[in-house]
C-alpha atoms as a PDB file:
ATOM      1  CA  MET A   1     -23.631  46.558   0.508  1.00  0.00           C
ATOM      2  CA  LEU A   2     -22.679  44.834   3.807  1.00  0.00           C
ATOM      3  CA  ARG A   3     -24.111  41.637   2.222  1.00  0.00           C
ATOM      4  CA  ARG A   4     -21.489  41.710  -0.362  1.00  0.00           C
ATOM      5  CA  LEU A   5     -18.265  42.370   1.745  1.00  0.00           C
ATOM      6  CA  MET A   6     -20.214  39.154   3.801  1.00  0.00           C
ATOM      7  CA  ALA A   7     -20.400  37.444   0.710  1.00  0.00           C
ATOM      8  CA  GLY A   8     -16.301  37.976   0.057  1.00  0.00           C
ATOM      9  CA  GLY A   9     -15.198  37.951   2.693  1.00  0.00           C
ATOM     10  CA  LEU A  10     -16.655  34.247   3.140  1.00  0.00           C
ATOM     11  CA  ALA A  11     -15.384  33.522  -0.475  1.00  0.00           C
ATOM     12  CA  ALA A  12     -11.924  34.634   0.299  1.00  0.00           C
ATOM     13  CA  ALA A  13     -11.768  32.700   3.962  1.00  0.00           C
ATOM     14  CA  THR A  14     -13.270  29.874   2.153  1.00  0.00           C
ATOM     15  CA  LEU A  15     -10.222  30.440  -0.819  1.00  0.00           C
ATOM     16  CA  ALA A  16      -7.571  31.174   2.080  1.00  0.00           C
ATOM     17  CA  LEU A  17      -8.510  28.041   3.664  1.00  0.00           C
ATOM     18  CA  ALA A  18      -8.625  25.902   0.864  1.00  0.00           C
ATOM     19  CA  LEU A  19      -5.241  27.087  -0.238  1.00  0.00           C
ATOM     20  CA  ALA A  20      -3.815  26.335   2.941  1.00  0.00           C
ATOM     21  CA  ALA A  21      -5.137  22.954   3.186  1.00  0.00           C
ATOM     22  CA  PRO A  22      -2.510  20.720   1.139  1.00  0.00           C
ATOM     23  CA  ALA A  23       0.169  22.548   3.429  1.00  0.00           C
ATOM     24  CA  LEU A  24      -1.804  20.905   6.637  1.00  0.00           C
ATOM     25  CA  ALA A  25      -1.717  17.508   4.713  1.00  0.00           C
ATOM     26  CA  GLU A  26       2.037  17.232   4.405  1.00  0.00           C
ATOM     27  CA  PRO A  27       4.048  15.118   5.506  1.00  0.00           C
ATOM     28  CA  THR A  28       5.651  16.483   8.666  1.00  0.00           C
ATOM     29  CA  ASN A  29       8.263  14.148   9.693  1.00  0.00           C
ATOM     30  CA  ARG A  30       9.832  11.760   7.747  1.00  0.00           C
ATOM     31  CA  ASP A  31      11.804  10.338  10.533  1.00  0.00           C
ATOM     32  CA  PRO A  32      10.395   6.749  11.573  1.00  0.00           C
ATOM     33  CA  ALA A  33      12.041   7.813  15.653  1.00  0.00           C
ATOM     34  CA  LYS A  34       9.639  10.606  15.255  1.00  0.00           C
ATOM     35  CA  ALA A  35       6.327   9.525  14.196  1.00  0.00           C
ATOM     36  CA  PRO A  36       3.825   8.938  16.519  1.00  0.00           C
ATOM     37  CA  ALA A  37       3.726   6.313  18.995  1.00  0.00           C
ATOM     38  CA  GLY A  38       0.011   4.044  18.495  1.00  0.00           C
ATOM     39  CA  THR A  39      -2.022   0.944  16.543  1.00  0.00           C
ATOM     40  CA  TYR A  40      -2.220   2.596  12.798  1.00  0.00           C
ATOM     41  CA  GLU A  41      -4.834   1.232  10.526  1.00  0.00           C
ATOM     42  CA  LEU A  42      -4.245   0.841   6.671  1.00  0.00           C
ATOM     43  CA  ASP A  43      -6.913   3.226   4.654  1.00  0.00           C
ATOM     44  CA  PRO A  44      -7.805   1.504   1.972  1.00  0.00           C
ATOM     45  CA  ARG A  45      -8.835   4.697   0.208  1.00  0.00           C
ATOM     46  CA  HIS A  46      -5.097   5.367  -0.145  1.00  0.00           C
ATOM     47  CA  ALA A  47      -3.959   2.228  -0.901  1.00  0.00           C
ATOM     48  CA  GLY A  48      -2.916  -0.074  -3.355  1.00  0.00           C
ATOM     49  CA  LEU A  49      -0.895  -3.534  -4.749  1.00  0.00           C
ATOM     50  CA  VAL A  50       0.206  -3.377  -8.857  1.00  0.00           C
ATOM     51  CA  VAL A  51       1.647  -6.380  -9.939  1.00  0.00           C
ATOM     52  CA  ARG A  52       3.882  -6.827 -13.422  1.00  0.00           C
ATOM     53  CA  VAL A  53       3.783 -10.108 -14.997  1.00  0.00           C
ATOM     54  CA  PRO A  54       5.046 -10.474 -18.507  1.00  0.00           C
ATOM     55  CA  HIS A  55       2.692 -11.648 -20.955  1.00  0.00           C
ATOM     56  CA  LEU A  56       4.193 -14.461 -23.157  1.00  0.00           C
ATOM     57  CA  GLY A  57       7.833 -14.102 -24.607  1.00  0.00           C
ATOM     58  CA  GLY A  58       7.725 -10.922 -22.784  1.00  0.00           C
ATOM     59  CA  PHE A  59       5.867  -9.185 -25.355  1.00  0.00           C
ATOM     60  CA  SER A  60       5.050  -6.775 -22.097  1.00  0.00           C
ATOM     61  CA  ARG A  61       4.781  -6.652 -18.545  1.00  0.00           C
ATOM     62  CA  TYR A  62       0.969  -7.151 -18.375  1.00  0.00           C
ATOM     63  CA  THR A  63      -0.522  -4.380 -15.719  1.00  0.00           C
ATOM     64  CA  MET A  64      -2.928  -5.318 -12.455  1.00  0.00           C
ATOM     65  CA  ARG A  65      -4.138  -4.024  -9.652  1.00  0.00           C
ATOM     66  CA  PHE A  66      -5.275  -5.617  -6.062  1.00  0.00           C
ATOM     67  CA  ASN A  67      -8.232  -2.665  -5.040  1.00  0.00           C
ATOM     68  CA  ALA A  68      -8.826  -4.325  -1.357  1.00  0.00           C
ATOM     69  CA  LEU A  69      -6.504  -4.309   1.514  1.00  0.00           C
ATOM     70  CA  THR A  70      -6.166  -4.018   4.887  1.00  0.00           C
ATOM     71  CA  GLY A  71      -4.236  -4.296   7.973  1.00  0.00           C
ATOM     72  CA  GLY A  72      -2.207  -2.278  10.374  1.00  0.00           C
ATOM     73  CA  PHE A  73       0.372  -2.128  13.221  1.00  0.00           C
ATOM     74  CA  THR A  74       0.945  -0.671  16.813  1.00  0.00           C
ATOM     75  CA  TYR A  75       3.818   1.757  16.602  1.00  0.00           C
ATOM     76  CA  ASP A  76       6.664   2.601  19.354  1.00  0.00           C
ATOM     77  CA  PRO A  77       8.865   5.357  17.721  1.00  0.00           C
ATOM     78  CA  ALA A  78      11.587   4.566  20.837  1.00  0.00           C
ATOM     79  CA  ASN A  79      11.616   0.672  18.558  1.00  0.00           C
ATOM     80  CA  TRP A  80      10.194   1.296  15.092  1.00  0.00           C
ATOM     81  CA  GLN A  81      12.599  -1.781  14.027  1.00  0.00           C
ATOM     82  CA  ALA A  82      10.749  -4.884  15.684  1.00  0.00           C
ATOM     83  CA  THR A  83       7.397  -2.873  14.193  1.00  0.00           C
ATOM     84  CA  LYS A  84       5.367  -6.312  13.292  1.00  0.00           C
ATOM     85  CA  VAL A  85       2.906  -5.139   9.805  1.00  0.00           C
ATOM     86  CA  THR A  86       0.536  -7.079   8.926  1.00  0.00           C
ATOM     87  CA  ILE A  87      -1.415  -6.772   5.175  1.00  0.00           C
ATOM     88  CA  SER A  88      -4.152  -8.870   3.812  1.00  0.00           C
ATOM     89  CA  ILE A  89      -4.313  -8.684   0.390  1.00  0.00           C
ATOM     90  CA  ASP A  90      -7.886 -10.418  -1.360  1.00  0.00           C
ATOM     91  CA  PRO A  91      -7.216 -12.369  -4.580  1.00  0.00           C
ATOM     92  CA  ARG A  92     -11.031 -12.004  -6.124  1.00  0.00           C
ATOM     93  CA  SER A  93      -9.892  -8.169  -5.698  1.00  0.00           C
ATOM     94  CA  ILE A  94      -8.090  -8.078  -9.079  1.00  0.00           C
ATOM     95  CA  ASP A  95      -8.893  -5.224 -11.271  1.00  0.00           C
ATOM     96  CA  THR A  96      -7.509  -6.139 -15.108  1.00  0.00           C
ATOM     97  CA  GLU A  97      -9.900  -3.232 -15.860  1.00  0.00           C
ATOM     98  CA  ILE A  98     -12.014  -6.479 -17.454  1.00  0.00           C
ATOM     99  CA  PRO A  99     -14.459  -8.125 -15.707  1.00  0.00           C
ATOM    100  CA  SER A 100     -14.381 -11.380 -17.355  1.00  0.00           C
ATOM    101  CA  PHE A 101     -10.470 -11.384 -17.215  1.00  0.00           C
ATOM    102  CA  ASN A 102     -10.074 -10.289 -13.510  1.00  0.00           C
ATOM    103  CA  LYS A 103     -12.219 -13.713 -12.907  1.00  0.00           C
ATOM    104  CA  GLU A 104      -9.977 -15.287 -15.389  1.00  0.00           C
ATOM    105  CA  ILE A 105      -6.527 -14.290 -13.353  1.00  0.00           C
ATOM    106  CA  ALA A 106      -8.621 -14.755  -9.600  1.00  0.00           C
ATOM    107  CA  GLY A 107      -9.115 -18.079 -11.299  1.00  0.00           C
ATOM    108  CA  PHE A 108      -4.950 -19.174 -12.094  1.00  0.00           C
ATOM    109  CA  PHE A 109      -5.072 -17.765  -8.008  1.00  0.00           C
ATOM    110  CA  GLU A 110      -7.492 -20.313  -6.529  1.00  0.00           C
ATOM    111  CA  ALA A 111      -9.046 -17.110  -4.675  1.00  0.00           C
ATOM    112  CA  ASP A 112     -12.095 -19.818  -3.581  1.00  0.00           C
ATOM    113  CA  LYS A 113      -9.712 -22.448  -2.539  1.00  0.00           C
ATOM    114  CA  TYR A 114      -7.491 -19.499  -1.020  1.00  0.00           C
ATOM    115  CA  PRO A 115      -9.161 -15.989   0.446  1.00  0.00           C
ATOM    116  CA  ALA A 116      -6.537 -14.511   1.334  1.00  0.00           C
ATOM    117  CA  ILE A 117      -3.237 -13.258   0.312  1.00  0.00           C
ATOM    118  CA  LEU A 118      -1.388 -12.357   3.715  1.00  0.00           C
ATOM    119  CA  PHE A 119       2.146 -10.298   4.420  1.00  0.00           C
ATOM    120  CA  VAL A 120       3.140 -10.642   8.106  1.00  0.00           C
ATOM    121  CA  SER A 121       6.679  -8.734   8.429  1.00  0.00           C
ATOM    122  CA  THR A 122       9.399 -10.140  10.590  1.00  0.00           C
ATOM    123  CA  ALA A 123      12.419  -7.134  10.555  1.00  0.00           C
ATOM    124  CA  VAL A 124      12.016  -3.498   9.256  1.00  0.00           C
ATOM    125  CA  THR A 125      15.543  -1.429   8.313  1.00  0.00           C
ATOM    126  CA  ALA A 126      15.502   2.166   7.977  1.00  0.00           C
ATOM    127  CA  GLY A 127      18.500   4.569   6.428  1.00  0.00           C
ATOM    128  CA  PRO A 128      18.274   8.675   7.175  1.00  0.00           C
ATOM    129  CA  ASP A 129      16.911   8.839   3.855  1.00  0.00           C
ATOM    130  CA  GLY A 130      13.320   6.505   5.768  1.00  0.00           C
ATOM    131  CA  ARG A 131      14.776   4.172   2.327  1.00  0.00           C
ATOM    132  CA  GLY A 132      14.886   0.534   3.642  1.00  0.00           C
ATOM    133  CA  THR A 133      14.026  -2.697   3.863  1.00  0.00           C
ATOM    134  CA  VAL A 134      11.004  -4.464   4.768  1.00  0.00           C
ATOM    135  CA  THR A 135      11.227  -8.699   5.035  1.00  0.00           C
ATOM    136  CA  GLY A 136       8.237 -10.984   5.944  1.00  0.00           C
ATOM    137  CA  ASP A 137       6.095 -14.309   5.556  1.00  0.00           C
ATOM    138  CA  LEU A 138       3.984 -14.064   2.546  1.00  0.00           C
ATOM    139  CA  THR A 139       1.023 -15.972   2.047  1.00  0.00           C
ATOM    140  CA  PHE A 140      -0.344 -16.737  -1.437  1.00  0.00           C
ATOM    141  CA  HIS A 141      -1.803 -20.187  -2.759  1.00  0.00           C
ATOM    142  CA  GLY A 142      -1.378 -21.729   0.515  1.00  0.00           C
ATOM    143  CA  VAL A 143       2.099 -21.178   0.106  1.00  0.00           C
ATOM    144  CA  THR A 144       4.068 -19.822   2.774  1.00  0.00           C
ATOM    145  CA  LYS A 145       8.169 -17.877   1.710  1.00  0.00           C
ATOM    146  CA  PRO A 146       9.978 -14.955   3.400  1.00  0.00           C
ATOM    147  CA  VAL A 147       9.937 -11.858   0.629  1.00  0.00           C
ATOM    148  CA  THR A 148      11.797  -8.966   0.805  1.00  0.00           C
ATOM    149  CA  LEU A 149      10.581  -5.611  -0.404  1.00  0.00           C
ATOM    150  CA  ASP A 150      12.423  -2.337  -0.597  1.00  0.00           C
ATOM    151  CA  ALA A 151      10.442   0.226   0.949  1.00  0.00           C
ATOM    152  CA  VAL A 152      10.644   4.520   1.242  1.00  0.00           C
ATOM    153  CA  PHE A 153       8.963   6.093   4.272  1.00  0.00           C
ATOM    154  CA  ASN A 154       7.461   9.181   3.159  1.00  0.00           C
ATOM    155  CA  GLY A 155       6.931  10.762   6.033  1.00  0.00           C
ATOM    156  CA  SER A 156       3.897  10.928   9.314  1.00  0.00           C
ATOM    157  CA  GLY A 157       2.140  14.448   9.641  1.00  0.00           C
ATOM    158  CA  PRO A 158      -2.251  15.378   9.733  1.00  0.00           C
ATOM    159  CA  GLY A 159      -4.698  14.233   7.418  1.00  0.00           C
ATOM    160  CA  VAL A 160      -6.793  17.228   5.660  1.00  0.00           C
ATOM    161  CA  LEU A 161      -7.145  19.965   7.963  1.00  0.00           C
ATOM    162  CA  GLY A 162      -5.351  18.110  10.363  1.00  0.00           C
ATOM    163  CA  ALA A 163      -7.675  15.123  10.920  1.00  0.00           C
ATOM    164  CA  GLY A 164      -5.810  12.092  11.929  1.00  0.00           C
ATOM    165  CA  ILE A 165      -2.521  11.570  12.325  1.00  0.00           C
ATOM    166  CA  ARG A 166      -1.447   8.800   9.402  1.00  0.00           C
ATOM    167  CA  MET A 167       2.025   7.458   8.219  1.00  0.00           C
ATOM    168  CA  GLY A 168       3.026   7.250   4.023  1.00  0.00           C
ATOM    169  CA  PHE A 169       5.187   4.258   2.458  1.00  0.00           C
ATOM    170  CA  SER A 170       6.134   2.910  -1.142  1.00  0.00           C
ATOM    171  CA  GLY A 171       7.955   0.429  -2.370  1.00  0.00           C
ATOM    172  CA  THR A 172       8.679  -1.971  -4.816  1.00  0.00           C
ATOM    173  CA  GLY A 173       9.487  -6.248  -4.782  1.00  0.00           C
ATOM    174  CA  ARG A 174       9.548  -9.349  -6.830  1.00  0.00           C
ATOM    175  CA  ILE A 175       8.436 -12.442  -6.398  1.00  0.00           C
ATOM    176  CA  LYS A 176       8.463 -15.705  -8.327  1.00  0.00           C
ATOM    177  CA  ARG A 177       4.664 -17.308  -9.138  1.00  0.00           C
ATOM    178  CA  SER A 178       6.372 -20.832  -9.446  1.00  0.00           C
ATOM    179  CA  ASP A 179       7.932 -20.836  -5.976  1.00  0.00           C
ATOM    180  CA  PHE A 180       3.783 -20.994  -4.367  1.00  0.00           C
ATOM    181  CA  GLY A 181       2.337 -23.245  -6.676  1.00  0.00           C
ATOM    182  CA  VAL A 182       0.779 -20.793  -9.023  1.00  0.00           C
ATOM    183  CA  THR A 183       1.782 -22.662 -12.265  1.00  0.00           C
ATOM    184  CA  ASN A 184      -1.052 -22.648 -14.177  1.00  0.00           C
ATOM    185  CA  ALA A 185      -0.735 -19.292 -16.015  1.00  0.00           C
ATOM    186  CA  LYS A 186       2.983 -20.777 -17.104  1.00  0.00           C
ATOM    187  CA  LEU A 187       1.646 -20.826 -21.687  1.00  0.00           C
ATOM    188  CA  PHE A 188       0.246 -17.486 -20.598  1.00  0.00           C
ATOM    189  CA  ALA A 189       2.447 -15.223 -18.506  1.00  0.00           C
ATOM    190  CA  GLY A 190       6.625 -15.418 -17.069  1.00  0.00           C
ATOM    191  CA  ASP A 191       7.585 -16.948 -14.074  1.00  0.00           C
ATOM    192  CA  ASP A 192       8.373 -13.091 -12.681  1.00  0.00           C
ATOM    193  CA  ILE A 193       5.524 -10.748 -10.700  1.00  0.00           C
ATOM    194  CA  ASP A 194       6.704  -7.494  -9.923  1.00  0.00           C
ATOM    195  CA  LEU A 195       5.285  -5.440  -7.257  1.00  0.00           C
ATOM    196  CA  GLU A 196       4.581  -1.733  -6.081  1.00  0.00           C
ATOM    197  CA  PHE A 197       2.738  -0.529  -2.958  1.00  0.00           C
ATOM    198  CA  GLU A 198       1.602   2.843  -2.153  1.00  0.00           C
ATOM    199  CA  ILE A 199       0.183   2.602   1.305  1.00  0.00           C
ATOM    200  CA  GLU A 200      -1.410   4.939   4.168  1.00  0.00           C
ATOM    201  CA  PHE A 201      -2.422   4.331   7.695  1.00  0.00           C
ATOM    202  CA  VAL A 202      -4.443   5.913  10.051  1.00  0.00           C
ATOM    203  CA  LYS A 203      -3.431   6.128  13.277  1.00  0.00           C
ATOM    204  CA  LYS A 204      -6.543   4.749  15.504  1.00  0.00           C
END
């Protein structure tokens, strides 16, 4: 009887903890001026960049994903507008879900010659709803150009069971591949590349 009661109590506690965990992991603050100061590092398990490119004359907007992102920033809530974000993307991490096509696309990027796509922010804005822009220098295919991304600050707060402090961001943007000298795919793809990103950073 005692064993049954203990087993039942343990099961109930486990269930309660499991049900409480999502609440503990939700963002607790969406005001960038109230986010904790410190150095934040990109969480590669919760970061991705999706790109969409017109196929031929526009039969579809072919969708791919870059899987290997690294980066981070140092954050001061008293001067968050001065935050400098650095993101590096491995062009060989392009994922079409077709291995042979992945290599073909990476070939258009000349990934062996230009092994990193780099974004370094120069200005950050955000309104009271967390929506704003991130402007920075994008180095892609050996060419550096200014780019402005629309971004949303999804909030900051503890991770699962209170482990670590994290910040989350979503955003979109558009670039022209011809601006960066990627013209070897012009017979197959349109010039406009739409970008969508979802990124979380964890306080070190």
